[in-house]
Amino acid sequence: MPHRKRAELLDAATAFCDSFAQKKSPDEILSHFSIDDGILAYEHGLKELAPFLGREFRGRQGVQEYFKIISSCLSYEDMRFADYVVDAAENRVAVRGMARFTWTATGDSWDETFAYALKFDDERKVTSYEIWADSGAAYLASKGRLKELRVE
Protein backbone atom coordinates (compact mmCIF):
# COMPACT_ATOMS: atom_id res chain seq x y z
CA MET A 1 0.00 0.00 0.00
CA PRO A 2 2.67 2.63 0.84
CA HIS A 3 4.36 2.04 -2.52
CA ARG A 4 1.06 2.44 -4.36
CA LYS A 5 0.26 5.68 -2.51
CA ARG A 6 3.73 7.01 -3.26
CA ALA A 7 3.32 6.15 -6.96
CA GLU A 8 -0.11 7.80 -7.06
CA LEU A 9 1.24 10.99 -5.48
CA LEU A 10 4.17 11.04 -7.89
CA ASP A 11 1.79 10.56 -10.83
CA ALA A 12 -0.46 13.38 -9.60
CA ALA A 13 2.47 15.75 -9.07
CA THR A 14 3.97 14.87 -12.45
CA ALA A 15 0.64 15.48 -14.20
CA PHE A 16 0.29 18.84 -12.41
CA CYS A 17 3.80 19.94 -13.38
CA ASP A 18 3.39 18.64 -16.94
CA SER A 19 0.33 20.88 -17.32
CA PHE A 20 2.65 23.87 -16.82
CA ALA A 21 5.45 22.51 -18.98
CA GLN A 22 2.97 21.88 -21.80
CA LYS A 23 1.41 25.34 -21.33
CA LYS A 24 -2.06 23.96 -20.73
CA SER A 25 -4.97 26.33 -20.23
CA PRO A 26 -5.71 27.74 -16.76
CA ASP A 27 -8.82 25.53 -16.62
CA GLU A 28 -6.69 22.45 -17.28
CA ILE A 29 -4.24 23.46 -14.57
CA LEU A 30 -7.13 24.16 -12.16
CA SER A 31 -8.50 20.68 -12.82
CA HIS A 32 -5.57 19.35 -10.76
CA PHE A 33 -6.78 21.27 -7.68
CA SER A 34 -9.22 20.05 -5.06
CA ILE A 35 -12.75 21.46 -5.10
CA ASP A 36 -12.27 22.30 -1.40
CA ASP A 37 -12.73 25.99 -0.51
CA GLY A 38 -9.47 25.98 1.44
CA ILE A 39 -7.10 25.43 -1.50
CA LEU A 40 -4.08 27.71 -1.52
CA ALA A 41 -1.57 29.17 -3.96
CA TYR A 42 1.27 31.07 -2.33
CA GLU A 43 4.47 32.32 -3.93
CA HIS A 44 7.03 33.23 -1.31
CA GLY A 45 8.61 36.67 -1.46
CA LEU A 46 8.05 40.29 -0.49
CA LYS A 47 4.66 41.44 -1.74
CA GLU A 48 6.19 44.79 -2.66
CA LEU A 49 8.33 43.14 -5.37
CA ALA A 50 5.58 41.72 -7.60
CA PRO A 51 1.77 41.50 -7.48
CA PHE A 52 1.78 37.69 -7.13
CA LEU A 53 4.33 37.49 -4.29
CA GLY A 54 3.72 37.22 -0.55
CA ARG A 55 -0.07 36.94 -0.80
CA GLU A 56 -2.27 33.99 -0.03
CA PHE A 57 -4.60 33.17 -2.91
CA ARG A 58 -7.31 31.00 -1.32
CA GLY A 59 -10.20 29.07 -2.79
CA ARG A 60 -10.86 28.40 -6.44
CA GLN A 61 -11.34 32.09 -7.25
CA GLY A 62 -8.16 33.01 -5.43
CA VAL A 63 -6.11 30.42 -7.28
CA GLN A 64 -7.65 31.58 -10.58
CA GLU A 65 -6.66 35.14 -9.67
CA TYR A 66 -3.08 34.01 -8.96
CA PHE A 67 -2.80 32.40 -12.40
CA LYS A 68 -4.40 35.45 -14.05
CA ILE A 69 -1.87 37.79 -12.42
CA ILE A 70 1.05 35.51 -13.27
CA SER A 71 -0.01 35.23 -16.92
CA SER A 72 -0.42 39.01 -17.19
CA CYS A 73 3.14 39.56 -15.94
CA LEU A 74 5.19 36.59 -17.12
CA SER A 75 5.69 34.25 -20.02
CA TYR A 76 7.99 31.24 -20.01
CA GLU A 77 9.80 28.79 -22.25
CA ASP A 78 11.40 25.39 -21.86
CA MET A 79 9.85 24.56 -18.48
CA ARG A 80 10.93 21.21 -17.08
CA PHE A 81 10.86 19.43 -13.74
CA ALA A 82 13.15 17.00 -11.92
CA ASP A 83 14.04 15.66 -8.49
CA TYR A 84 10.57 14.83 -7.22
CA VAL A 85 10.54 14.01 -3.49
CA VAL A 86 7.41 12.25 -2.20
CA ASP A 87 6.27 12.14 1.42
CA ALA A 88 3.43 9.61 1.27
CA ALA A 89 2.71 9.88 5.01
CA GLU A 90 1.90 13.61 4.66
CA ASN A 91 0.51 13.59 1.07
CA ARG A 92 3.23 16.00 -0.01
CA VAL A 93 5.53 16.28 -3.01
CA ALA A 94 8.43 18.68 -3.51
CA VAL A 95 9.91 19.24 -6.96
CA ARG A 96 12.57 21.37 -8.63
CA GLY A 97 11.70 23.19 -11.83
CA MET A 98 13.66 25.14 -14.41
CA ALA A 99 12.52 27.56 -17.14
CA ARG A 100 13.33 30.76 -18.96
CA PHE A 101 10.96 33.51 -17.79
CA THR A 102 10.21 36.85 -19.44
CA TRP A 103 8.55 39.84 -17.80
CA THR A 104 6.23 40.65 -20.69
CA ALA A 105 5.96 44.43 -20.19
CA THR A 106 9.73 44.97 -20.37
CA GLY A 107 10.93 41.96 -22.35
CA ASP A 108 13.61 41.20 -19.73
CA SER A 109 14.29 37.45 -19.48
CA TRP A 110 16.18 35.19 -17.10
CA ASP A 111 16.89 31.51 -16.58
CA GLU A 112 15.60 30.29 -13.25
CA THR A 113 15.51 27.28 -10.99
CA PHE A 114 12.48 27.22 -8.72
CA ALA A 115 10.78 24.83 -6.30
CA TYR A 116 7.21 23.71 -5.72
CA ALA A 117 5.84 22.23 -2.51
CA LEU A 118 2.55 20.47 -3.21
CA LYS A 119 0.07 19.04 -0.74
CA PHE A 120 -2.64 16.66 -1.92
CA ASP A 121 -5.96 15.44 -0.57
CA ASP A 122 -6.95 11.77 -0.53
CA GLU A 123 -8.21 12.03 -4.12
CA ARG A 124 -4.73 13.17 -5.22
CA LYS A 125 -5.89 16.72 -5.93
CA VAL A 126 -3.73 19.72 -4.97
CA THR A 127 -4.82 21.51 -1.80
CA SER A 128 -1.69 23.65 -1.32
CA TYR A 129 0.67 24.97 -4.02
CA GLU A 130 3.68 26.86 -2.71
CA ILE A 131 6.38 28.32 -4.94
CA TRP A 132 9.91 29.48 -4.16
CA ALA A 133 11.45 31.37 -7.06
CA ASP A 134 13.89 34.17 -7.86
CA SER A 135 11.85 37.17 -6.75
CA GLY A 136 14.87 39.46 -7.19
CA ALA A 137 15.16 38.62 -10.88
CA ALA A 138 11.40 39.06 -11.32
CA TYR A 139 11.54 42.47 -9.62
CA LEU A 140 14.49 43.70 -11.68
CA ALA A 141 12.89 42.40 -14.87
CA SER A 142 9.64 44.21 -14.01
CA LYS A 143 11.62 47.45 -13.83
CA GLY A 144 13.57 46.71 -17.03
CA ARG A 145 16.82 46.65 -15.07
CA LEU A 146 17.87 43.01 -15.37
CA LYS A 147 19.85 43.66 -18.56
CA GLU A 148 21.92 46.33 -16.75
CA LEU A 149 23.42 43.68 -14.50
CA ARG A 150 24.54 41.38 -17.28
CA VAL A 151 28.09 41.60 -18.51
CA GLU A 152 28.24 40.69 -22.18
C-alpha atoms as a PDB file:
ATOM      1  CA  MET A   1       0.000   0.000   0.000  1.00  0.00           C
ATOM      2  CA  PRO A   2       2.668   2.634   0.836  1.00  0.00           C
ATOM      3  CA  HIS A   3       4.362   2.038  -2.520  1.00  0.00           C
ATOM      4  CA  ARG A   4       1.063   2.444  -4.357  1.00  0.00           C
ATOM      5  CA  LYS A   5       0.259   5.682  -2.506  1.00  0.00           C
ATOM      6  CA  ARG A   6       3.733   7.013  -3.264  1.00  0.00           C
ATOM      7  CA  ALA A   7       3.318   6.148  -6.958  1.00  0.00           C
ATOM      8  CA  GLU A   8      -0.114   7.804  -7.055  1.00  0.00           C
ATOM      9  CA  LEU A   9       1.241  10.995  -5.478  1.00  0.00           C
ATOM     10  CA  LEU A  10       4.173  11.036  -7.889  1.00  0.00           C
ATOM     11  CA  ASP A  11       1.786  10.556 -10.834  1.00  0.00           C
ATOM     12  CA  ALA A  12      -0.462  13.377  -9.596  1.00  0.00           C
ATOM     13  CA  ALA A  13       2.475  15.755  -9.072  1.00  0.00           C
ATOM     14  CA  THR A  14       3.968  14.875 -12.454  1.00  0.00           C
ATOM     15  CA  ALA A  15       0.636  15.483 -14.202  1.00  0.00           C
ATOM     16  CA  PHE A  16       0.290  18.836 -12.407  1.00  0.00           C
ATOM     17  CA  CYS A  17       3.797  19.938 -13.378  1.00  0.00           C
ATOM     18  CA  ASP A  18       3.392  18.645 -16.939  1.00  0.00           C
ATOM     19  CA  SER A  19       0.332  20.878 -17.324  1.00  0.00           C
ATOM     20  CA  PHE A  20       2.649  23.866 -16.815  1.00  0.00           C
ATOM     21  CA  ALA A  21       5.454  22.513 -18.983  1.00  0.00           C
ATOM     22  CA  GLN A  22       2.968  21.876 -21.802  1.00  0.00           C
ATOM     23  CA  LYS A  23       1.414  25.338 -21.331  1.00  0.00           C
ATOM     24  CA  LYS A  24      -2.057  23.960 -20.731  1.00  0.00           C
ATOM     25  CA  SER A  25      -4.975  26.330 -20.227  1.00  0.00           C
ATOM     26  CA  PRO A  26      -5.708  27.744 -16.760  1.00  0.00           C
ATOM     27  CA  ASP A  27      -8.817  25.529 -16.625  1.00  0.00           C
ATOM     28  CA  GLU A  28      -6.691  22.446 -17.282  1.00  0.00           C
ATOM     29  CA  ILE A  29      -4.239  23.463 -14.565  1.00  0.00           C
ATOM     30  CA  LEU A  30      -7.129  24.156 -12.158  1.00  0.00           C
ATOM     31  CA  SER A  31      -8.504  20.678 -12.820  1.00  0.00           C
ATOM     32  CA  HIS A  32      -5.573  19.345 -10.757  1.00  0.00           C
ATOM     33  CA  PHE A  33      -6.783  21.270  -7.678  1.00  0.00           C
ATOM     34  CA  SER A  34      -9.219  20.052  -5.061  1.00  0.00           C
ATOM     35  CA  ILE A  35     -12.746  21.464  -5.099  1.00  0.00           C
ATOM     36  CA  ASP A  36     -12.269  22.302  -1.401  1.00  0.00           C
ATOM     37  CA  ASP A  37     -12.730  25.989  -0.509  1.00  0.00           C
ATOM     38  CA  GLY A  38      -9.471  25.981   1.435  1.00  0.00           C
ATOM     39  CA  ILE A  39      -7.095  25.426  -1.500  1.00  0.00           C
ATOM     40  CA  LEU A  40      -4.083  27.709  -1.521  1.00  0.00           C
ATOM     41  CA  ALA A  41      -1.571  29.165  -3.957  1.00  0.00           C
ATOM     42  CA  TYR A  42       1.272  31.071  -2.328  1.00  0.00           C
ATOM     43  CA  GLU A  43       4.473  32.324  -3.929  1.00  0.00           C
ATOM     44  CA  HIS A  44       7.028  33.232  -1.313  1.00  0.00           C
ATOM     45  CA  GLY A  45       8.605  36.673  -1.456  1.00  0.00           C
ATOM     46  CA  LEU A  46       8.047  40.292  -0.493  1.00  0.00           C
ATOM     47  CA  LYS A  47       4.656  41.440  -1.735  1.00  0.00           C
ATOM     48  CA  GLU A  48       6.191  44.794  -2.661  1.00  0.00           C
ATOM     49  CA  LEU A  49       8.327  43.136  -5.374  1.00  0.00           C
ATOM     50  CA  ALA A  50       5.576  41.718  -7.596  1.00  0.00           C
ATOM     51  CA  PRO A  51       1.767  41.496  -7.481  1.00  0.00           C
ATOM     52  CA  PHE A  52       1.784  37.689  -7.132  1.00  0.00           C
ATOM     53  CA  LEU A  53       4.327  37.486  -4.285  1.00  0.00           C
ATOM     54  CA  GLY A  54       3.716  37.216  -0.552  1.00  0.00           C
ATOM     55  CA  ARG A  55      -0.068  36.944  -0.802  1.00  0.00           C
ATOM     56  CA  GLU A  56      -2.273  33.987  -0.026  1.00  0.00           C
ATOM     57  CA  PHE A  57      -4.596  33.170  -2.910  1.00  0.00           C
ATOM     58  CA  ARG A  58      -7.314  31.003  -1.316  1.00  0.00           C
ATOM     59  CA  GLY A  59     -10.196  29.070  -2.790  1.00  0.00           C
ATOM     60  CA  ARG A  60     -10.856  28.397  -6.439  1.00  0.00           C
ATOM     61  CA  GLN A  61     -11.343  32.089  -7.252  1.00  0.00           C
ATOM     62  CA  GLY A  62      -8.158  33.013  -5.427  1.00  0.00           C
ATOM     63  CA  VAL A  63      -6.110  30.416  -7.281  1.00  0.00           C
ATOM     64  CA  GLN A  64      -7.653  31.578 -10.576  1.00  0.00           C
ATOM     65  CA  GLU A  65      -6.663  35.142  -9.671  1.00  0.00           C
ATOM     66  CA  TYR A  66      -3.078  34.011  -8.957  1.00  0.00           C
ATOM     67  CA  PHE A  67      -2.800  32.403 -12.402  1.00  0.00           C
ATOM     68  CA  LYS A  68      -4.398  35.446 -14.053  1.00  0.00           C
ATOM     69  CA  ILE A  69      -1.871  37.790 -12.415  1.00  0.00           C
ATOM     70  CA  ILE A  70       1.046  35.510 -13.274  1.00  0.00           C
ATOM     71  CA  SER A  71      -0.005  35.225 -16.918  1.00  0.00           C
ATOM     72  CA  SER A  72      -0.421  39.007 -17.190  1.00  0.00           C
ATOM     73  CA  CYS A  73       3.142  39.558 -15.938  1.00  0.00           C
ATOM     74  CA  LEU A  74       5.191  36.589 -17.121  1.00  0.00           C
ATOM     75  CA  SER A  75       5.692  34.249 -20.017  1.00  0.00           C
ATOM     76  CA  TYR A  76       7.993  31.236 -20.009  1.00  0.00           C
ATOM     77  CA  GLU A  77       9.796  28.787 -22.254  1.00  0.00           C
ATOM     78  CA  ASP A  78      11.403  25.389 -21.859  1.00  0.00           C
ATOM     79  CA  MET A  79       9.851  24.558 -18.482  1.00  0.00           C
ATOM     80  CA  ARG A  80      10.933  21.207 -17.077  1.00  0.00           C
ATOM     81  CA  PHE A  81      10.863  19.432 -13.744  1.00  0.00           C
ATOM     82  CA  ALA A  82      13.149  17.004 -11.919  1.00  0.00           C
ATOM     83  CA  ASP A  83      14.037  15.665  -8.491  1.00  0.00           C
ATOM     84  CA  TYR A  84      10.571  14.832  -7.215  1.00  0.00           C
ATOM     85  CA  VAL A  85      10.539  14.007  -3.486  1.00  0.00           C
ATOM     86  CA  VAL A  86       7.406  12.254  -2.202  1.00  0.00           C
ATOM     87  CA  ASP A  87       6.273  12.137   1.421  1.00  0.00           C
ATOM     88  CA  ALA A  88       3.426   9.613   1.269  1.00  0.00           C
ATOM     89  CA  ALA A  89       2.709   9.879   5.009  1.00  0.00           C
ATOM     90  CA  GLU A  90       1.896  13.613   4.659  1.00  0.00           C
ATOM     91  CA  ASN A  91       0.512  13.592   1.069  1.00  0.00           C
ATOM     92  CA  ARG A  92       3.228  16.003  -0.009  1.00  0.00           C
ATOM     93  CA  VAL A  93       5.525  16.280  -3.009  1.00  0.00           C
ATOM     94  CA  ALA A  94       8.429  18.681  -3.508  1.00  0.00           C
ATOM     95  CA  VAL A  95       9.906  19.239  -6.956  1.00  0.00           C
ATOM     96  CA  ARG A  96      12.565  21.371  -8.625  1.00  0.00           C
ATOM     97  CA  GLY A  97      11.704  23.195 -11.833  1.00  0.00           C
ATOM     98  CA  MET A  98      13.656  25.141 -14.413  1.00  0.00           C
ATOM     99  CA  ALA A  99      12.523  27.558 -17.137  1.00  0.00           C
ATOM    100  CA  ARG A 100      13.326  30.756 -18.964  1.00  0.00           C
ATOM    101  CA  PHE A 101      10.961  33.509 -17.788  1.00  0.00           C
ATOM    102  CA  THR A 102      10.207  36.848 -19.441  1.00  0.00           C
ATOM    103  CA  TRP A 103       8.546  39.843 -17.803  1.00  0.00           C
ATOM    104  CA  THR A 104       6.229  40.646 -20.689  1.00  0.00           C
ATOM    105  CA  ALA A 105       5.959  44.429 -20.186  1.00  0.00           C
ATOM    106  CA  THR A 106       9.728  44.970 -20.373  1.00  0.00           C
ATOM    107  CA  GLY A 107      10.932  41.958 -22.345  1.00  0.00           C
ATOM    108  CA  ASP A 108      13.609  41.196 -19.731  1.00  0.00           C
ATOM    109  CA  SER A 109      14.293  37.447 -19.481  1.00  0.00           C
ATOM    110  CA  TRP A 110      16.182  35.185 -17.098  1.00  0.00           C
ATOM    111  CA  ASP A 111      16.886  31.510 -16.576  1.00  0.00           C
ATOM    112  CA  GLU A 112      15.599  30.289 -13.248  1.00  0.00           C
ATOM    113  CA  THR A 113      15.510  27.278 -10.991  1.00  0.00           C
ATOM    114  CA  PHE A 114      12.482  27.217  -8.716  1.00  0.00           C
ATOM    115  CA  ALA A 115      10.778  24.835  -6.296  1.00  0.00           C
ATOM    116  CA  TYR A 116       7.206  23.711  -5.717  1.00  0.00           C
ATOM    117  CA  ALA A 117       5.836  22.226  -2.512  1.00  0.00           C
ATOM    118  CA  LEU A 118       2.548  20.473  -3.208  1.00  0.00           C
ATOM    119  CA  LYS A 119       0.066  19.037  -0.737  1.00  0.00           C
ATOM    120  CA  PHE A 120      -2.638  16.665  -1.923  1.00  0.00           C
ATOM    121  CA  ASP A 121      -5.962  15.439  -0.572  1.00  0.00           C
ATOM    122  CA  ASP A 122      -6.949  11.767  -0.529  1.00  0.00           C
ATOM    123  CA  GLU A 123      -8.213  12.029  -4.119  1.00  0.00           C
ATOM    124  CA  ARG A 124      -4.728  13.170  -5.219  1.00  0.00           C
ATOM    125  CA  LYS A 125      -5.885  16.719  -5.933  1.00  0.00           C
ATOM    126  CA  VAL A 126      -3.732  19.719  -4.970  1.00  0.00           C
ATOM    127  CA  THR A 127      -4.816  21.511  -1.799  1.00  0.00           C
ATOM    128  CA  SER A 128      -1.689  23.647  -1.322  1.00  0.00           C
ATOM    129  CA  TYR A 129       0.665  24.966  -4.021  1.00  0.00           C
ATOM    130  CA  GLU A 130       3.683  26.856  -2.710  1.00  0.00           C
ATOM    131  CA  ILE A 131       6.380  28.323  -4.940  1.00  0.00           C
ATOM    132  CA  TRP A 132       9.908  29.485  -4.164  1.00  0.00           C
ATOM    133  CA  ALA A 133      11.452  31.375  -7.063  1.00  0.00           C
ATOM    134  CA  ASP A 134      13.889  34.174  -7.856  1.00  0.00           C
ATOM    135  CA  SER A 135      11.849  37.172  -6.746  1.00  0.00           C
ATOM    136  CA  GLY A 136      14.868  39.456  -7.189  1.00  0.00           C
ATOM    137  CA  ALA A 137      15.164  38.623 -10.876  1.00  0.00           C
ATOM    138  CA  ALA A 138      11.404  39.063 -11.320  1.00  0.00           C
ATOM    139  CA  TYR A 139      11.540  42.469  -9.623  1.00  0.00           C
ATOM    140  CA  LEU A 140      14.491  43.701 -11.676  1.00  0.00           C
ATOM    141  CA  ALA A 141      12.888  42.398 -14.870  1.00  0.00           C
ATOM    142  CA  SER A 142       9.636  44.207 -14.010  1.00  0.00           C
ATOM    143  CA  LYS A 143      11.616  47.449 -13.832  1.00  0.00           C
ATOM    144  CA  GLY A 144      13.566  46.713 -17.027  1.00  0.00           C
ATOM    145  CA  ARG A 145      16.824  46.647 -15.073  1.00  0.00           C
ATOM    146  CA  LEU A 146      17.872  43.011 -15.369  1.00  0.00           C
ATOM    147  CA  LYS A 147      19.848  43.661 -18.562  1.00  0.00           C
ATOM    148  CA  GLU A 148      21.919  46.334 -16.753  1.00  0.00           C
ATOM    149  CA  LEU A 149      23.421  43.683 -14.504  1.00  0.00           C
ATOM    150  CA  ARG A 150      24.545  41.376 -17.279  1.00  0.00           C
ATOM    151  CA  VAL A 151      28.089  41.599 -18.505  1.00  0.00           C
ATOM    152  CA  GLU A 152      28.235  40.687 -22.179  1.00  0.00           C
END
